Amino acid sequence: MRSKVFTSGEVATICGVSPDTVSRWFDMGQLEGYRLGPGGDRRIPYESLKKFMISHGIPLDRFEEGEQRILVVDDDPHYLDIIPAVLARSGEYTVLTASTGFDAGTLVVQHNPNLLILDIHLSDMDGRTVCKRVKERPETKNARVLAISGYISDEEAAQLSDFGFDGYLKKPFGVAELGEQVRILMELPTSRLARPKRSSVLP
């Protein structure tokens, strides 16, 4: 998706405006892109269009149809670095990151992620509160939320579903284990969400 380039007509359909309006945005320099061929047809790259839509408050729903978005929320720099790196290898997902519950809330509203990988113990709030708020939003009520933590008991882990979590990984976890959990949750129908369970620890 990130490599996609849109025509003026496609941008008009996505933004719900006329092609003339898109041409005006382009010619005034508000919408970044380039011209192609002898006719000078306008082309707008994915990142340019996304940036424009966010800055102008245009909903990303139609723009991001089919895009698989994952938001990683952790205040541990190690996990905030390694998890996105692992997920990016497949090229299947758009990965966003946040180190606080507040920043996570902002990104959830802006991007409506399909999956959150959420640490339970954040510096500014409990991850269970974040999950509850995500599940209460109509736009993200069907988003999957994978809890990660190295500090909760088996009893607490068994109760995570009460807060809306769909899965759980105990830190530290392996790359293969993370990939399997993400695949399962991303492909699972909303009517058959997985209940959190204790995860085995991989080296």
Protein backbone atom coordinates (compact mmCIF):
# COMPACT_ATOMS: atom_id res chain seq x y z
CA MET A 1 0.00 0.00 0.00
CA ARG A 2 2.80 2.44 0.88
CA SER A 3 4.17 2.20 -2.66
CA LYS A 4 0.82 3.04 -4.26
CA VAL A 5 0.47 6.22 -6.29
CA PHE A 6 -2.98 7.75 -6.82
CA THR A 7 -4.49 9.67 -9.75
CA SER A 8 -6.48 12.86 -9.21
CA GLY A 9 -9.68 10.92 -9.83
CA GLU A 10 -8.81 8.31 -7.22
CA VAL A 11 -7.97 11.01 -4.67
CA ALA A 12 -11.28 12.73 -5.42
CA THR A 13 -13.20 9.52 -4.75
CA ILE A 14 -11.31 8.84 -1.51
CA CYS A 15 -11.75 12.38 -0.18
CA GLY A 16 -15.33 12.81 -1.41
CA VAL A 17 -14.64 15.88 -3.54
CA SER A 18 -14.53 16.71 -7.25
CA PRO A 19 -11.42 16.10 -9.39
CA ASP A 20 -11.23 19.88 -9.94
CA THR A 21 -10.86 20.37 -6.19
CA VAL A 22 -8.02 17.84 -6.09
CA SER A 23 -6.33 19.62 -9.01
CA ARG A 24 -6.60 22.91 -7.13
CA TRP A 25 -5.07 21.37 -3.98
CA PHE A 26 -2.23 20.03 -6.12
CA ASP A 27 -1.60 23.25 -8.06
CA MET A 28 -1.58 25.32 -4.86
CA GLY A 29 1.02 23.03 -3.33
CA GLN A 30 -1.27 21.80 -0.56
CA LEU A 31 -1.17 18.24 -1.86
CA GLU A 32 2.32 17.06 -2.75
CA GLY A 33 2.95 14.94 -5.82
CA TYR A 34 4.36 15.04 -9.33
CA ARG A 35 3.28 15.18 -12.97
CA LEU A 36 3.60 12.27 -15.34
CA GLY A 37 3.93 12.05 -19.11
CA PRO A 38 3.38 14.61 -21.89
CA GLY A 39 -0.05 15.53 -20.55
CA GLY A 40 1.29 16.29 -17.10
CA ASP A 41 -1.16 13.98 -15.35
CA ARG A 42 -1.02 14.48 -11.59
CA ARG A 43 0.16 11.63 -9.36
CA ILE A 44 -0.03 11.66 -5.56
CA PRO A 45 2.05 9.15 -3.53
CA TYR A 46 0.48 7.24 -0.64
CA GLU A 47 2.39 9.04 2.14
CA SER A 48 1.60 12.49 0.70
CA LEU A 49 -2.11 11.75 0.51
CA LYS A 50 -2.20 10.25 3.98
CA LYS A 51 -0.40 13.26 5.47
CA PHE A 52 -2.79 15.64 3.70
CA MET A 53 -5.88 13.78 4.88
CA ILE A 54 -4.73 13.68 8.52
CA SER A 55 -3.80 17.38 8.56
CA HIS A 56 -7.19 18.34 7.07
CA GLY A 57 -9.27 16.04 9.26
CA ILE A 58 -10.42 13.83 6.38
CA PRO A 59 -11.36 10.30 7.62
CA LEU A 60 -8.93 7.62 6.52
CA ASP A 61 -11.51 4.82 6.37
CA ARG A 62 -11.90 4.52 2.59
CA PHE A 63 -8.25 5.35 1.98
CA GLU A 64 -7.09 2.52 4.21
CA GLU A 65 -9.50 -0.19 3.10
CA GLY A 66 -7.58 -3.44 2.92
CA GLU A 67 -4.56 -2.05 4.77
CA GLN A 68 -3.62 -4.05 7.85
CA ARG A 69 -2.57 -1.63 10.60
CA ILE A 70 -0.87 -2.68 13.82
CA LEU A 71 -0.23 -0.33 16.73
CA VAL A 72 2.55 -1.36 19.13
CA VAL A 73 2.28 0.31 22.55
CA ASP A 74 5.13 -0.18 25.03
CA ASP A 75 7.25 2.14 27.17
CA ASP A 76 10.21 -0.25 26.99
CA PRO A 77 12.48 1.01 24.15
CA HIS A 78 13.71 -2.53 23.48
CA TYR A 79 10.27 -3.93 22.70
CA LEU A 80 9.16 -0.74 20.94
CA ASP A 81 12.10 -1.25 18.59
CA ILE A 82 12.18 -5.01 18.10
CA ILE A 83 8.45 -5.74 17.68
CA PRO A 84 7.91 -3.30 14.75
CA ALA A 85 11.13 -4.55 13.17
CA VAL A 86 9.89 -8.13 13.29
CA LEU A 87 6.45 -7.25 11.94
CA ALA A 88 7.88 -5.12 9.13
CA ARG A 89 9.82 -8.05 7.69
CA SER A 90 6.73 -9.58 6.11
CA GLY A 91 5.73 -6.36 4.35
CA GLU A 92 2.08 -7.23 5.10
CA TYR A 93 1.44 -4.65 7.81
CA THR A 94 1.60 -0.93 8.40
CA VAL A 95 3.14 -0.63 11.87
CA LEU A 96 2.61 2.35 14.19
CA THR A 97 4.22 2.84 17.60
CA ALA A 98 3.43 4.65 20.85
CA SER A 99 5.23 4.71 24.20
CA THR A 100 2.35 6.04 26.32
CA GLY A 101 -1.35 5.37 26.70
CA PHE A 102 -2.10 8.97 25.75
CA ASP A 103 -0.18 8.73 22.46
CA ALA A 104 -1.82 5.36 21.78
CA GLY A 105 -5.25 6.95 22.15
CA THR A 106 -4.36 9.65 19.63
CA LEU A 107 -3.12 7.10 17.07
CA VAL A 108 -6.17 4.89 17.58
CA VAL A 109 -8.47 7.79 16.69
CA GLN A 110 -6.36 8.77 13.67
CA HIS A 111 -5.72 5.33 12.19
CA ASN A 112 -8.28 2.82 13.56
CA PRO A 113 -5.74 -0.02 13.84
CA ASN A 114 -6.77 -3.61 13.19
CA LEU A 115 -4.55 -4.90 15.99
CA LEU A 116 -2.93 -3.42 19.09
CA ILE A 117 0.05 -5.08 20.76
CA LEU A 118 -0.30 -3.49 24.16
CA ASP A 119 1.91 -3.62 27.23
CA ILE A 120 -0.11 -3.86 30.43
CA HIS A 121 2.13 -1.58 32.51
CA LEU A 122 2.61 1.77 30.75
CA SER A 123 4.22 4.80 32.37
CA ASP A 124 1.06 6.94 32.30
CA MET A 125 -1.81 4.44 32.58
CA ASP A 126 -2.77 0.79 32.87
CA GLY A 127 -2.97 -1.00 29.54
CA ARG A 128 -6.27 -2.53 30.58
CA THR A 129 -7.77 0.97 30.56
CA VAL A 130 -6.44 1.56 27.05
CA CYS A 131 -7.92 -1.72 25.83
CA LYS A 132 -11.30 -0.95 27.37
CA ARG A 133 -11.42 2.44 25.63
CA VAL A 134 -10.46 0.91 22.28
CA LYS A 135 -13.24 -1.66 22.55
CA GLU A 136 -15.78 1.02 23.51
CA ARG A 137 -15.17 3.01 20.29
CA PRO A 138 -17.58 2.01 17.49
CA GLU A 139 -14.75 2.39 14.95
CA THR A 140 -12.40 0.00 16.79
CA LYS A 141 -14.75 -2.27 18.73
CA ASN A 142 -13.70 -5.20 16.52
CA ALA A 143 -9.98 -4.44 16.69
CA ARG A 144 -7.91 -7.24 18.21
CA VAL A 145 -5.80 -6.44 21.26
CA LEU A 146 -2.82 -8.60 22.23
CA ALA A 147 -1.60 -8.06 25.79
CA ILE A 148 2.10 -8.36 26.58
CA SER A 149 3.66 -8.29 30.04
CA GLY A 150 6.32 -9.87 32.19
CA TYR A 151 4.80 -8.82 35.48
CA ILE A 152 1.30 -10.25 35.78
CA SER A 153 0.34 -13.52 37.44
CA ASP A 154 -1.36 -16.43 35.73
CA GLU A 155 -4.56 -15.47 37.53
CA GLU A 156 -4.39 -11.89 36.22
CA ALA A 157 -3.64 -13.17 32.72
CA ALA A 158 -6.74 -15.37 32.83
CA GLN A 159 -8.86 -12.31 33.61
CA LEU A 160 -7.61 -10.18 30.69
CA SER A 161 -10.57 -11.15 28.52
CA ASP A 162 -12.80 -9.28 30.98
CA PHE A 163 -11.11 -6.06 29.82
CA GLY A 164 -11.47 -6.92 26.11
CA PHE A 165 -8.07 -8.50 25.37
CA ASP A 166 -8.01 -11.18 22.67
CA GLY A 167 -4.64 -12.76 23.40
CA TYR A 168 -1.65 -12.66 25.72
CA LEU A 169 2.11 -13.14 25.42
CA LYS A 170 4.35 -13.33 28.45
CA LYS A 171 7.65 -11.44 28.16
CA PRO A 172 10.17 -12.46 27.03
CA PHE A 173 8.70 -14.14 23.95
CA GLY A 174 10.21 -15.40 20.74
CA VAL A 175 9.95 -14.00 17.24
CA ALA A 176 8.11 -17.07 15.94
CA GLU A 177 5.64 -16.92 18.82
CA LEU A 178 4.89 -13.25 18.18
CA GLY A 179 4.38 -13.88 14.49
CA GLU A 180 1.99 -16.76 15.17
CA GLN A 181 -0.12 -14.75 17.60
CA VAL A 182 -0.35 -11.80 15.20
CA ARG A 183 -1.32 -14.06 12.30
CA ILE A 184 -4.02 -15.79 14.35
CA LEU A 185 -5.54 -12.56 15.63
CA MET A 186 -5.43 -10.76 12.29
CA GLU A 187 -7.19 -13.61 10.49
CA LEU A 188 -9.69 -14.53 13.21
CA PRO A 189 -13.35 -13.67 12.46
CA THR A 190 -14.75 -11.13 14.91
CA SER A 191 -17.28 -13.67 16.17
CA ARG A 192 -14.56 -16.11 17.21
CA LEU A 193 -11.98 -14.02 19.04
CA ALA A 194 -9.36 -15.92 20.99
CA ARG A 195 -9.44 -15.76 24.76
CA PRO A 196 -6.17 -14.81 26.48
CA LYS A 197 -4.05 -17.71 27.58
CA ARG A 198 -0.70 -18.16 29.18
CA SER A 199 2.07 -18.27 26.61
CA SER A 200 5.11 -20.48 26.77
CA VAL A 201 8.41 -18.61 26.92
CA LEU A 202 10.74 -19.10 24.00
CA PRO A 203 14.49 -18.42 24.16
